[in-house]
């Protein structure tokens, strides 16, 4: 009896892991599909920040604010479950991400990204992503200069946490 229960438990774990592997959004695929539309920005510094932001605005690279209609947030340790954000919630998250005053210059080192937000257009096509470290750093595609390398201020991180937890 114990062997059957153990075998059943192992089988369930393997099935859940396989399901996660095959259904979790592939960020490299998203990047490769959109690399011609949104190239990765040069990492900004204080000297070239203004010029890079101006280039991005001229190229209408606004972190997909006008194109993004919904988003899903996944926990990277347990990606079986996700929460879908509707348009108003998604816009609130993108507004926080697009505000350069929510960032400090630099990074925390090599972060572990705890959560991933996948951005979708009106046809449910994946059009970008935001990796979130609970240490306050983000990584995203398309990568924009306004993120100042992706280290959020305490205020910016608090706003992002509130926006993503209002589910």
Protein backbone atom coordinates (compact mmCIF):
# COMPACT_ATOMS: atom_id res chain seq x y z
CA UNK A 1 0.00 0.00 0.00
CA UNK A 2 2.81 2.41 0.87
CA UNK A 3 4.51 1.69 -2.45
CA UNK A 4 1.32 2.50 -4.36
CA UNK A 5 0.86 5.79 -2.49
CA UNK A 6 4.51 6.70 -3.04
CA UNK A 7 4.28 5.79 -6.74
CA UNK A 8 1.09 7.84 -7.07
CA UNK A 9 2.69 10.84 -5.35
CA UNK A 10 5.77 10.66 -7.58
CA UNK A 11 3.57 10.33 -10.67
CA UNK A 12 1.55 13.40 -9.68
CA UNK A 13 4.72 15.42 -9.10
CA UNK A 14 6.15 14.38 -12.47
CA UNK A 15 2.90 15.26 -14.24
CA UNK A 16 2.76 18.68 -12.54
CA UNK A 17 6.40 19.40 -13.41
CA UNK A 18 5.84 18.36 -17.02
CA UNK A 19 2.71 20.51 -17.20
CA UNK A 20 4.66 23.50 -15.83
CA UNK A 21 7.50 22.92 -18.27
CA UNK A 22 5.24 22.76 -21.32
CA UNK A 23 2.81 25.53 -20.38
CA UNK A 24 5.03 28.18 -18.74
CA UNK A 25 5.62 31.02 -21.21
CA UNK A 26 8.92 30.83 -23.05
CA UNK A 27 10.64 34.21 -22.62
CA UNK A 28 13.29 33.45 -25.25
CA UNK A 29 10.55 32.71 -27.76
CA UNK A 30 8.85 36.02 -26.92
CA UNK A 31 12.17 37.83 -27.39
CA UNK A 32 12.97 36.08 -30.66
CA UNK A 33 9.50 36.76 -32.09
CA UNK A 34 9.74 40.47 -31.31
CA UNK A 35 13.45 41.22 -31.68
CA UNK A 36 12.87 43.01 -35.00
CA UNK A 37 10.18 45.23 -33.47
CA UNK A 38 11.84 45.95 -30.13
CA UNK A 39 15.58 45.69 -29.96
CA UNK A 40 17.30 45.64 -26.62
CA UNK A 41 18.42 49.07 -25.51
CA UNK A 42 21.96 49.99 -24.70
CA UNK A 43 22.34 49.97 -20.93
CA UNK A 44 21.83 53.58 -19.94
CA UNK A 45 24.07 55.57 -17.70
CA UNK A 46 23.66 59.09 -16.41
CA UNK A 47 25.45 60.52 -19.47
CA UNK A 48 23.32 58.91 -22.19
CA UNK A 49 20.03 58.46 -20.31
CA UNK A 50 18.21 61.47 -21.79
CA UNK A 51 19.24 60.66 -25.36
CA UNK A 52 18.24 56.98 -25.05
CA UNK A 53 14.83 57.88 -23.60
CA UNK A 54 14.31 60.37 -26.43
CA UNK A 55 15.17 57.69 -29.02
CA UNK A 56 12.75 55.24 -27.40
CA UNK A 57 9.96 57.84 -27.38
CA UNK A 58 10.63 58.64 -31.07
CA UNK A 59 10.46 54.92 -31.89
CA UNK A 60 7.26 54.59 -29.84
CA UNK A 61 8.83 52.00 -27.53
CA UNK A 62 6.59 52.80 -24.59
CA UNK A 63 6.70 49.38 -22.90
CA UNK A 64 3.73 48.43 -24.98
CA UNK A 65 1.30 50.66 -23.06
CA UNK A 66 -0.98 51.09 -26.05
CA UNK A 67 -0.67 47.49 -27.25
CA UNK A 68 -0.91 45.59 -23.97
CA UNK A 69 -4.46 44.63 -23.07
CA UNK A 70 -3.98 41.95 -20.40
CA UNK A 71 -1.21 40.35 -18.39
CA UNK A 72 -0.63 37.20 -16.38
CA UNK A 73 1.65 36.90 -13.36
CA UNK A 74 3.34 33.59 -12.60
CA UNK A 75 5.24 32.51 -9.51
CA UNK A 76 8.49 31.11 -10.91
CA UNK A 77 8.81 28.45 -8.19
CA UNK A 78 5.27 27.18 -8.68
CA UNK A 79 4.24 28.21 -12.21
CA UNK A 80 1.17 25.97 -12.27
CA UNK A 81 -0.99 28.84 -11.18
CA UNK A 82 -1.24 32.38 -12.47
CA UNK A 83 -3.38 35.43 -12.04
CA UNK A 84 -4.72 37.28 -15.05
CA UNK A 85 -4.83 41.08 -14.88
CA UNK A 86 -7.50 42.88 -16.88
CA UNK A 87 -6.81 46.10 -18.78
CA UNK A 88 -7.11 48.56 -15.88
CA UNK A 89 -4.85 46.46 -13.62
CA UNK A 90 -2.35 45.95 -16.44
CA UNK A 91 -2.24 49.67 -17.20
CA UNK A 92 -1.58 50.40 -13.52
CA UNK A 93 1.40 47.99 -13.51
CA UNK A 94 2.78 49.44 -16.76
CA UNK A 95 2.41 52.99 -15.45
CA UNK A 96 4.62 52.06 -12.49
CA UNK A 97 7.15 50.31 -14.74
CA UNK A 98 7.28 53.30 -17.16
CA UNK A 99 7.93 55.90 -14.46
CA UNK A 100 11.68 56.53 -14.40
CA UNK A 101 11.37 58.11 -10.93
CA UNK A 102 10.57 54.62 -9.62
CA UNK A 103 14.16 53.50 -10.35
CA UNK A 104 17.62 53.99 -8.87
CA UNK A 105 20.79 53.79 -10.91
CA UNK A 106 22.34 50.36 -10.81
CA UNK A 107 21.41 46.85 -9.87
CA UNK A 108 21.59 44.54 -6.87
CA UNK A 109 23.86 42.01 -8.52
CA UNK A 110 22.56 38.74 -9.88
CA UNK A 111 18.97 38.54 -8.76
CA UNK A 112 16.69 35.56 -8.54
CA UNK A 113 13.48 36.46 -10.32
CA UNK A 114 10.58 35.28 -8.19
CA UNK A 115 7.73 36.22 -10.51
CA UNK A 116 7.15 36.83 -14.19
CA UNK A 117 4.48 38.99 -15.76
CA UNK A 118 3.67 38.12 -19.37
CA UNK A 119 2.09 40.91 -21.43
CA UNK A 120 -0.55 40.16 -24.07
CA UNK A 121 -2.10 42.13 -26.91
CA UNK A 122 -5.81 42.16 -27.80
CA UNK A 123 -5.42 38.81 -29.63
CA UNK A 124 -3.76 37.16 -26.61
CA UNK A 125 -0.34 37.14 -28.33
CA UNK A 126 2.64 37.37 -25.97
CA UNK A 127 4.25 40.76 -26.57
CA UNK A 128 6.62 41.22 -23.66
CA UNK A 129 7.51 40.20 -20.13
CA UNK A 130 8.65 41.59 -16.81
CA UNK A 131 10.72 39.49 -14.41
CA UNK A 132 10.38 40.62 -10.79
CA UNK A 133 12.85 39.94 -8.00
CA UNK A 134 11.47 40.34 -4.51
CA UNK A 135 14.75 42.15 -3.80
CA UNK A 136 13.48 45.06 -5.90
CA UNK A 137 15.03 44.46 -9.31
CA UNK A 138 13.23 43.86 -12.59
CA UNK A 139 14.28 42.60 -15.97
CA UNK A 140 12.05 43.10 -18.94
CA UNK A 141 11.60 42.81 -22.64
CA UNK A 142 11.44 45.11 -24.38
CA UNK A 143 14.26 46.52 -22.31
CA UNK A 144 13.93 50.28 -22.02
CA UNK A 145 16.27 53.00 -20.83
CA UNK A 146 13.72 54.36 -18.35
CA UNK A 147 14.36 51.39 -16.08
CA UNK A 148 17.90 52.61 -15.27
CA UNK A 149 19.13 48.96 -15.21
CA UNK A 150 16.01 47.76 -13.40
CA UNK A 151 16.60 48.58 -9.72
CA UNK A 152 13.39 49.91 -8.22
CA UNK A 153 13.29 52.53 -5.48
CA UNK A 154 11.56 51.54 -2.25
CA UNK A 155 8.55 53.62 -3.35
CA UNK A 156 8.49 52.04 -6.83
CA UNK A 157 8.81 48.52 -5.48
CA UNK A 158 6.06 49.10 -2.92
CA UNK A 159 3.75 50.43 -5.67
CA UNK A 160 4.52 47.42 -7.88
CA UNK A 161 3.87 44.96 -5.06
CA UNK A 162 0.56 46.64 -4.23
CA UNK A 163 -0.47 46.65 -7.92
CA UNK A 164 0.36 42.98 -8.42
CA UNK A 165 -1.19 41.86 -5.13
CA UNK A 166 -4.53 43.56 -5.66
CA UNK A 167 -5.77 40.36 -7.22
